[in-house]
Amino acid sequence: EVQLSYAIGVANPVSILVETFGTGKLSNE
C-alpha cells in the first residue's frame, strides 16, 4: 500500500509512505 500526499500549487509530494504488512523483502523505510 502506497500513500501519497500533496499541497495545492506544489509539484512535489508532501509525503510518501510504503506499507508492506510484513510481506516485503525490505523494511518499509
Full PDB file with SEQRES, HELIX, SHEET, SSBOND, CRYST1, ORIGX, SCALE, CONECT and MASTER records, all heavy atoms in Angstrom:
SEQRES   1 A   29  GLU VAL GLN LEU SER TYR ALA ILE GLY VAL ALA ASN PRO          
SEQRES   2 A   29  VAL SER ILE LEU VAL GLU THR PHE GLY THR GLY LYS LEU          
SEQRES   3 A   29  SER ASN GLU                                                  
SHEET    1 AA1 2 VAL A   2  SER A   5  0                                        
SHEET    2 AA1 2 SER A  15  VAL A  18 -1                                        
CRYST1    1.000    1.000    1.000  90.00  90.00  90.00 P 1           1          
ORIGX1      1.000000  0.000000  0.000000        0.00000                         
ORIGX2      0.000000  1.000000  0.000000        0.00000                         
ORIGX3      0.000000  0.000000  1.000000        0.00000                         
SCALE1      1.000000  0.000000  0.000000        0.00000                         
SCALE2      0.000000  1.000000  0.000000        0.00000                         
SCALE3      0.000000  0.000000  1.000000        0.00000                         
ATOM      1  N   GLU A   1       0.858  -1.179   0.000  1.00  0.00           N  
ATOM      2  CA  GLU A   1       0.000   0.000   0.000  1.00  0.00           C  
ATOM      3  C   GLU A   1       0.895   1.229   0.000  1.00  0.00           C  
ATOM      4  O   GLU A   1       1.841   1.315   0.787  1.00  0.00           O  
ATOM      5  CB  GLU A   1      -0.906   0.008   1.229  1.00  0.00           C  
ATOM      6  CG  GLU A   1      -1.910   1.161   1.230  1.00  0.00           C  
ATOM      7  CD  GLU A   1      -2.779   1.152   2.484  1.00  0.00           C  
ATOM      8  OE1 GLU A   1      -2.258   1.490   3.564  1.00  0.00           O  
ATOM      9  OE2 GLU A   1      -3.956   0.795   2.374  1.00  0.00           O  
ATOM     10  N   VAL A   2       0.598   2.159  -0.908  1.00  0.00           N  
ATOM     11  CA  VAL A   2       1.390   3.389  -1.046  1.00  0.00           C  
ATOM     12  C   VAL A   2       0.499   4.579  -0.752  1.00  0.00           C  
ATOM     13  O   VAL A   2      -0.588   4.705  -1.320  1.00  0.00           O  
ATOM     14  CB  VAL A   2       1.962   3.511  -2.477  1.00  0.00           C  
ATOM     15  CG1 VAL A   2       2.701   4.839  -2.639  1.00  0.00           C  
ATOM     16  CG2 VAL A   2       2.888   2.348  -2.790  1.00  0.00           C  
ATOM     17  N   GLN A   3       0.962   5.452   0.160  1.00  0.00           N  
ATOM     18  CA  GLN A   3       0.242   6.704   0.406  1.00  0.00           C  
ATOM     19  C   GLN A   3       1.060   7.867  -0.136  1.00  0.00           C  
ATOM     20  O   GLN A   3       2.270   7.959   0.087  1.00  0.00           O  
ATOM     21  CB  GLN A   3       0.003   6.942   1.898  1.00  0.00           C  
ATOM     22  CG  GLN A   3      -0.874   8.179   2.149  1.00  0.00           C  
ATOM     23  CD  GLN A   3      -0.692   8.797   3.528  1.00  0.00           C  
ATOM     24  OE1 GLN A   3       0.425   9.038   3.970  1.00  0.00           O  
ATOM     25  NE2 GLN A   3      -1.800   9.053   4.212  1.00  0.00           N  
ATOM     26  N   LEU A   4       0.367   8.744  -0.887  1.00  0.00           N  
ATOM     27  CA  LEU A   4       0.957   9.992  -1.354  1.00  0.00           C  
ATOM     28  C   LEU A   4       0.139  11.153  -0.802  1.00  0.00           C  
ATOM     29  O   LEU A   4      -1.070  11.022  -0.603  1.00  0.00           O  
ATOM     30  CB  LEU A   4       0.946  10.064  -2.888  1.00  0.00           C  
ATOM     31  CG  LEU A   4       1.581   8.902  -3.653  1.00  0.00           C  
ATOM     32  CD1 LEU A   4       1.386   9.092  -5.155  1.00  0.00           C  
ATOM     33  CD2 LEU A   4       3.060   8.771  -3.316  1.00  0.00           C  
ATOM     34  N   SER A   5       0.790  12.285  -0.562  1.00  0.00           N  
ATOM     35  CA  SER A   5       0.048  13.491  -0.187  1.00  0.00           C  
ATOM     36  C   SER A   5       0.616  14.681  -0.939  1.00  0.00           C  
ATOM     37  O   SER A   5       1.798  14.699  -1.309  1.00  0.00           O  
ATOM     38  CB  SER A   5       0.112  13.738   1.325  1.00  0.00           C  
ATOM     39  OG  SER A   5       1.408  14.153   1.720  1.00  0.00           O  
ATOM     40  N   TYR A   6      -0.274  15.663  -1.185  1.00  0.00           N  
ATOM     41  CA  TYR A   6       0.101  16.837  -1.978  1.00  0.00           C  
ATOM     42  C   TYR A   6      -0.459  18.099  -1.333  1.00  0.00           C  
ATOM     43  O   TYR A   6      -1.435  18.051  -0.578  1.00  0.00           O  
ATOM     44  CB  TYR A   6      -0.440  16.730  -3.411  1.00  0.00           C  
ATOM     45  CG  TYR A   6       0.205  15.634  -4.220  1.00  0.00           C  
ATOM     46  CD1 TYR A   6      -0.249  14.317  -4.126  1.00  0.00           C  
ATOM     47  CD2 TYR A   6       1.273  15.901  -5.059  1.00  0.00           C  
ATOM     48  CE1 TYR A   6       0.349  13.296  -4.860  1.00  0.00           C  
ATOM     49  CE2 TYR A   6       1.877  14.899  -5.802  1.00  0.00           C  
ATOM     50  CZ  TYR A   6       1.409  13.595  -5.691  1.00  0.00           C  
ATOM     51  OH  TYR A   6       2.015  12.591  -6.414  1.00  0.00           O  
ATOM     52  N   ALA A   7       0.160  19.231  -1.670  1.00  0.00           N  
ATOM     53  CA  ALA A   7      -0.363  20.548  -1.317  1.00  0.00           C  
ATOM     54  C   ALA A   7      -0.756  21.260  -2.601  1.00  0.00           C  
ATOM     55  O   ALA A   7      -0.056  21.146  -3.622  1.00  0.00           O  
ATOM     56  CB  ALA A   7       0.685  21.362  -0.562  1.00  0.00           C  
ATOM     57  N   ILE A   8      -1.840  21.991  -2.575  1.00  0.00           N  
ATOM     58  CA  ILE A   8      -2.306  22.689  -3.769  1.00  0.00           C  
ATOM     59  C   ILE A   8      -1.240  23.666  -4.259  1.00  0.00           C  
ATOM     60  O   ILE A   8      -0.652  24.427  -3.475  1.00  0.00           O  
ATOM     61  CB  ILE A   8      -3.651  23.401  -3.508  1.00  0.00           C  
ATOM     62  CG1 ILE A   8      -4.233  23.962  -4.822  1.00  0.00           C  
ATOM     63  CG2 ILE A   8      -3.515  24.481  -2.442  1.00  0.00           C  
ATOM     64  CD1 ILE A   8      -5.671  24.430  -4.689  1.00  0.00           C  
ATOM     65  N   GLY A   9      -0.958  23.610  -5.564  1.00  0.00           N  
ATOM     66  CA  GLY A   9       0.005  24.515  -6.160  1.00  0.00           C  
ATOM     67  C   GLY A   9       1.456  24.131  -5.968  1.00  0.00           C  
ATOM     68  O   GLY A   9       2.357  24.874  -6.356  1.00  0.00           O  
ATOM     69  N   VAL A  10       1.726  22.953  -5.390  1.00  0.00           N  
ATOM     70  CA  VAL A  10       3.097  22.487  -5.165  1.00  0.00           C  
ATOM     71  C   VAL A  10       3.307  21.210  -5.975  1.00  0.00           C  
ATOM     72  O   VAL A  10       2.459  20.311  -5.957  1.00  0.00           O  
ATOM     73  CB  VAL A  10       3.363  22.222  -3.667  1.00  0.00           C  
ATOM     74  CG1 VAL A  10       4.771  21.682  -3.450  1.00  0.00           C  
ATOM     75  CG2 VAL A  10       3.140  23.492  -2.863  1.00  0.00           C  
ATOM     76  N   ALA A  11       4.419  21.100  -6.684  1.00  0.00           N  
ATOM     77  CA  ALA A  11       4.635  19.972  -7.586  1.00  0.00           C  
ATOM     78  C   ALA A  11       5.040  18.696  -6.854  1.00  0.00           C  
ATOM     79  O   ALA A  11       4.499  17.618  -7.111  1.00  0.00           O  
ATOM     80  CB  ALA A  11       5.695  20.332  -8.626  1.00  0.00           C  
ATOM     81  N   ASN A  12       5.996  18.796  -5.966  1.00  0.00           N  
ATOM     82  CA  ASN A  12       6.495  17.586  -5.320  1.00  0.00           C  
ATOM     83  C   ASN A  12       5.561  17.102  -4.214  1.00  0.00           C  
ATOM     84  O   ASN A  12       4.965  17.921  -3.502  1.00  0.00           O  
ATOM     85  CB  ASN A  12       7.886  17.844  -4.731  1.00  0.00           C  
ATOM     86  CG  ASN A  12       8.955  17.935  -5.804  1.00  0.00           C  
ATOM     87  OD1 ASN A  12       9.369  16.920  -6.355  1.00  0.00           O  
ATOM     88  ND2 ASN A  12       9.383  19.157  -6.113  1.00  0.00           N  
ATOM     89  N   PRO A  13       5.424  15.787  -4.067  1.00  0.00           N  
ATOM     90  CA  PRO A  13       4.577  15.273  -2.985  1.00  0.00           C  
ATOM     91  C   PRO A  13       5.056  15.781  -1.632  1.00  0.00           C  
ATOM     92  O   PRO A  13       6.257  15.927  -1.399  1.00  0.00           O  
ATOM     93  CB  PRO A  13       4.745  13.753  -3.087  1.00  0.00           C  
ATOM     94  CG  PRO A  13       5.237  13.496  -4.466  1.00  0.00           C  
ATOM     95  CD  PRO A  13       6.040  14.700  -4.853  1.00  0.00           C  
ATOM     96  N   VAL A  14       4.118  16.037  -0.749  1.00  0.00           N  
ATOM     97  CA  VAL A  14       4.452  16.440   0.614  1.00  0.00           C  
ATOM     98  C   VAL A  14       5.024  15.251   1.376  1.00  0.00           C  
ATOM     99  O   VAL A  14       5.957  15.380   2.164  1.00  0.00           O  
ATOM    100  CB  VAL A  14       3.203  16.990   1.337  1.00  0.00           C  
ATOM    101  CG1 VAL A  14       3.477  17.220   2.817  1.00  0.00           C  
ATOM    102  CG2 VAL A  14       2.747  18.286   0.670  1.00  0.00           C  
ATOM    103  N   SER A  15       4.448  14.062   1.116  1.00  0.00           N  
ATOM    104  CA  SER A  15       4.935  12.855   1.794  1.00  0.00           C  
ATOM    105  C   SER A  15       4.682  11.627   0.929  1.00  0.00           C  
ATOM    106  O   SER A  15       3.787  11.607   0.086  1.00  0.00           O  
ATOM    107  CB  SER A  15       4.253  12.678   3.155  1.00  0.00           C  
ATOM    108  OG  SER A  15       2.866  12.410   2.993  1.00  0.00           O  
ATOM    109  N   ILE A  16       5.517  10.599   1.165  1.00  0.00           N  
ATOM    110  CA  ILE A  16       5.387   9.297   0.524  1.00  0.00           C  
ATOM    111  C   ILE A  16       5.565   8.242   1.612  1.00  0.00           C  
ATOM    112  O   ILE A  16       6.500   8.318   2.411  1.00  0.00           O  
ATOM    113  CB  ILE A  16       6.456   9.093  -0.575  1.00  0.00           C  
ATOM    114  CG1 ILE A  16       6.321  10.159  -1.670  1.00  0.00           C  
ATOM    115  CG2 ILE A  16       6.346   7.690  -1.182  1.00  0.00           C  
ATOM    116  CD1 ILE A  16       7.464  10.138  -2.678  1.00  0.00           C  
ATOM    117  N   LEU A  17       4.668   7.258   1.638  1.00  0.00           N  
ATOM    118  CA  LEU A  17       4.756   6.185   2.634  1.00  0.00           C  
ATOM    119  C   LEU A  17       4.440   4.856   1.968  1.00  0.00           C  
ATOM    120  O   LEU A  17       3.472   4.745   1.209  1.00  0.00           O  
ATOM    121  CB  LEU A  17       3.766   6.432   3.781  1.00  0.00           C  
ATOM    122  CG  LEU A  17       3.642   5.323   4.835  1.00  0.00           C  
ATOM    123  CD1 LEU A  17       4.950   5.180   5.618  1.00  0.00           C  
ATOM    124  CD2 LEU A  17       2.484   5.598   5.775  1.00  0.00           C  
ATOM    125  N   VAL A  18       5.248   3.840   2.253  1.00  0.00           N  
ATOM    126  CA  VAL A  18       5.017   2.494   1.734  1.00  0.00           C  
ATOM    127  C   VAL A  18       4.816   1.541   2.902  1.00  0.00           C  
ATOM    128  O   VAL A  18       5.604   1.531   3.851  1.00  0.00           O  
ATOM    129  CB  VAL A  18       6.195   2.013   0.860  1.00  0.00           C  
ATOM    130  CG1 VAL A  18       5.929   0.598   0.352  1.00  0.00           C  
ATOM    131  CG2 VAL A  18       6.426   2.967  -0.302  1.00  0.00           C  
ATOM    132  N   GLU A  19       3.752   0.735   2.833  1.00  0.00           N  
ATOM    133  CA  GLU A  19       3.432  -0.274   3.842  1.00  0.00           C  
ATOM    134  C   GLU A  19       3.314  -1.623   3.143  1.00  0.00           C  
ATOM    135  O   GLU A  19       2.576  -1.757   2.172  1.00  0.00           O  
ATOM    136  CB  GLU A  19       2.125   0.079   4.549  1.00  0.00           C  
ATOM    137  CG  GLU A  19       1.573  -0.996   5.464  1.00  0.00           C  
ATOM    138  CD  GLU A  19       2.486  -1.293   6.634  1.00  0.00           C  
ATOM    139  OE1 GLU A  19       2.642  -0.412   7.505  1.00  0.00           O  
ATOM    140  OE2 GLU A  19       3.031  -2.417   6.675  1.00  0.00           O  
ATOM    141  N   THR A  20       4.052  -2.630   3.645  1.00  0.00           N  
ATOM    142  CA  THR A  20       4.010  -3.965   3.027  1.00  0.00           C  
ATOM    143  C   THR A  20       3.417  -5.028   3.949  1.00  0.00           C  
ATOM    144  O   THR A  20       3.421  -6.207   3.595  1.00  0.00           O  
ATOM    145  CB  THR A  20       5.412  -4.404   2.575  1.00  0.00           C  
ATOM    146  OG1 THR A  20       6.271  -4.488   3.719  1.00  0.00           O  
ATOM    147  CG2 THR A  20       5.980  -3.429   1.557  1.00  0.00           C  
ATOM    148  N   PHE A  21       2.937  -4.650   5.112  1.00  0.00           N  
ATOM    149  CA  PHE A  21       2.214  -5.558   6.004  1.00  0.00           C  
ATOM    150  C   PHE A  21       3.036  -6.811   6.355  1.00  0.00           C  
ATOM    151  O   PHE A  21       2.491  -7.915   6.491  1.00  0.00           O  
ATOM    152  CB  PHE A  21       0.870  -5.959   5.381  1.00  0.00           C  
ATOM    153  CG  PHE A  21       0.049  -4.795   4.910  1.00  0.00           C  
ATOM    154  CD1 PHE A  21       0.105  -4.370   3.586  1.00  0.00           C  
ATOM    155  CD2 PHE A  21      -0.748  -4.087   5.799  1.00  0.00           C  
ATOM    156  CE1 PHE A  21      -0.635  -3.282   3.155  1.00  0.00           C  
ATOM    157  CE2 PHE A  21      -1.503  -2.993   5.378  1.00  0.00           C  
ATOM    158  CZ  PHE A  21      -1.444  -2.590   4.052  1.00  0.00           C  
ATOM    159  N   GLY A  22       4.337  -6.610   6.474  1.00  0.00           N  
ATOM    160  CA  GLY A  22       5.206  -7.720   6.848  1.00  0.00           C  
ATOM    161  C   GLY A  22       5.509  -8.698   5.728  1.00  0.00           C  
ATOM    162  O   GLY A  22       6.115  -9.748   5.968  1.00  0.00           O  
ATOM    163  N   THR A  23       5.138  -8.359   4.488  1.00  0.00           N  
ATOM    164  CA  THR A  23       5.362  -9.283   3.366  1.00  0.00           C  
ATOM    165  C   THR A  23       6.549  -8.885   2.497  1.00  0.00           C  
ATOM    166  O   THR A  23       6.834  -9.556   1.502  1.00  0.00           O  
ATOM    167  CB  THR A  23       4.109  -9.359   2.462  1.00  0.00           C  
ATOM    168  OG1 THR A  23       3.954  -8.121   1.750  1.00  0.00           O  
ATOM    169  CG2 THR A  23       2.859  -9.646   3.271  1.00  0.00           C  
ATOM    170  N   GLY A  24       7.244  -7.804   2.839  1.00  0.00           N  
ATOM    171  CA  GLY A  24       8.290  -7.274   1.974  1.00  0.00           C  
ATOM    172  C   GLY A  24       9.669  -7.838   2.230  1.00  0.00           C  
ATOM    173  O   GLY A  24       9.973  -8.320   3.339  1.00  0.00           O  
ATOM    174  N   LYS A  25      10.514  -7.766   1.210  1.00  0.00           N  
ATOM    175  CA  LYS A  25      11.903  -8.191   1.335  1.00  0.00           C  
ATOM    176  C   LYS A  25      12.791  -7.075   1.878  1.00  0.00           C  
ATOM    177  O   LYS A  25      13.974  -7.297   2.161  1.00  0.00           O  
ATOM    178  CB  LYS A  25      12.424  -8.655  -0.028  1.00  0.00           C  
ATOM    179  CG  LYS A  25      11.729  -9.913  -0.542  1.00  0.00           C  
ATOM    180  CD  LYS A  25      12.314 -10.378  -1.870  1.00  0.00           C  
ATOM    181  CE  LYS A  25      11.642 -11.668  -2.328  1.00  0.00           C  
ATOM    182  NZ  LYS A  25      12.178 -12.156  -3.626  1.00  0.00           N  
ATOM    183  N   LEU A  26      12.202  -5.881   1.984  1.00  0.00           N  
ATOM    184  CA  LEU A  26      12.891  -4.735   2.567  1.00  0.00           C  
ATOM    185  C   LEU A  26      12.023  -4.185   3.694  1.00  0.00           C  
ATOM    186  O   LEU A  26      10.838  -4.514   3.810  1.00  0.00           O  
ATOM    187  CB  LEU A  26      13.111  -3.644   1.509  1.00  0.00           C  
ATOM    188  CG  LEU A  26      13.825  -4.017   0.206  1.00  0.00           C  
ATOM    189  CD1 LEU A  26      13.760  -2.843  -0.769  1.00  0.00           C  
ATOM    190  CD2 LEU A  26      15.269  -4.421   0.471  1.00  0.00           C  
ATOM    191  N   SER A  27      12.585  -3.301   4.499  1.00  0.00           N  
ATOM    192  CA  SER A  27      11.786  -2.622   5.512  1.00  0.00           C  
ATOM    193  C   SER A  27      10.917  -1.572   4.830  1.00  0.00           C  
ATOM    194  O   SER A  27      11.178  -1.160   3.694  1.00  0.00           O  
ATOM    195  CB  SER A  27      12.693  -1.946   6.543  1.00  0.00           C  
ATOM    196  OG  SER A  27      13.385  -0.846   5.945  1.00  0.00           O  
ATOM    197  N   ASN A  28       9.874  -1.123   5.514  1.00  0.00           N  
ATOM    198  CA  ASN A  28       9.018  -0.081   4.950  1.00  0.00           C  
ATOM    199  C   ASN A  28       9.806   1.197   4.668  1.00  0.00           C  
ATOM    200  O   ASN A  28       9.552   1.893   3.673  1.00  0.00           O  
ATOM    201  CB  ASN A  28       7.852   0.212   5.891  1.00  0.00           C  
ATOM    202  CG  ASN A  28       6.833  -0.919   5.916  1.00  0.00           C  
ATOM    203  OD1 ASN A  28       6.817  -1.768   5.024  1.00  0.00           O  
ATOM    204  ND2 ASN A  28       5.990  -0.929   6.942  1.00  0.00           N  
ATOM    205  N   GLU A  29      10.760   1.510   5.519  1.00  0.00           N  
ATOM    206  CA  GLU A  29      11.590   2.698   5.307  1.00  0.00           C  
ATOM    207  C   GLU A  29      12.435   2.555   4.038  1.00  0.00           C  
ATOM    208  O   GLU A  29      12.573   3.503   3.247  1.00  0.00           O  
ATOM    209  CB  GLU A  29      12.504   2.938   6.514  1.00  0.00           C  
ATOM    210  CG  GLU A  29      11.766   3.343   7.787  1.00  0.00           C  
ATOM    211  CD  GLU A  29      11.162   2.155   8.538  1.00  0.00           C  
ATOM    212  OE1 GLU A  29      11.354   1.000   8.091  1.00  0.00           O  
ATOM    213  OE2 GLU A  29      10.491   2.386   9.550  1.00  0.00           O  
TER     214      GLU A  29                                                      
MASTER        0    0    0    0    2    0    0    6  213    1    0    3          
END                                                                             
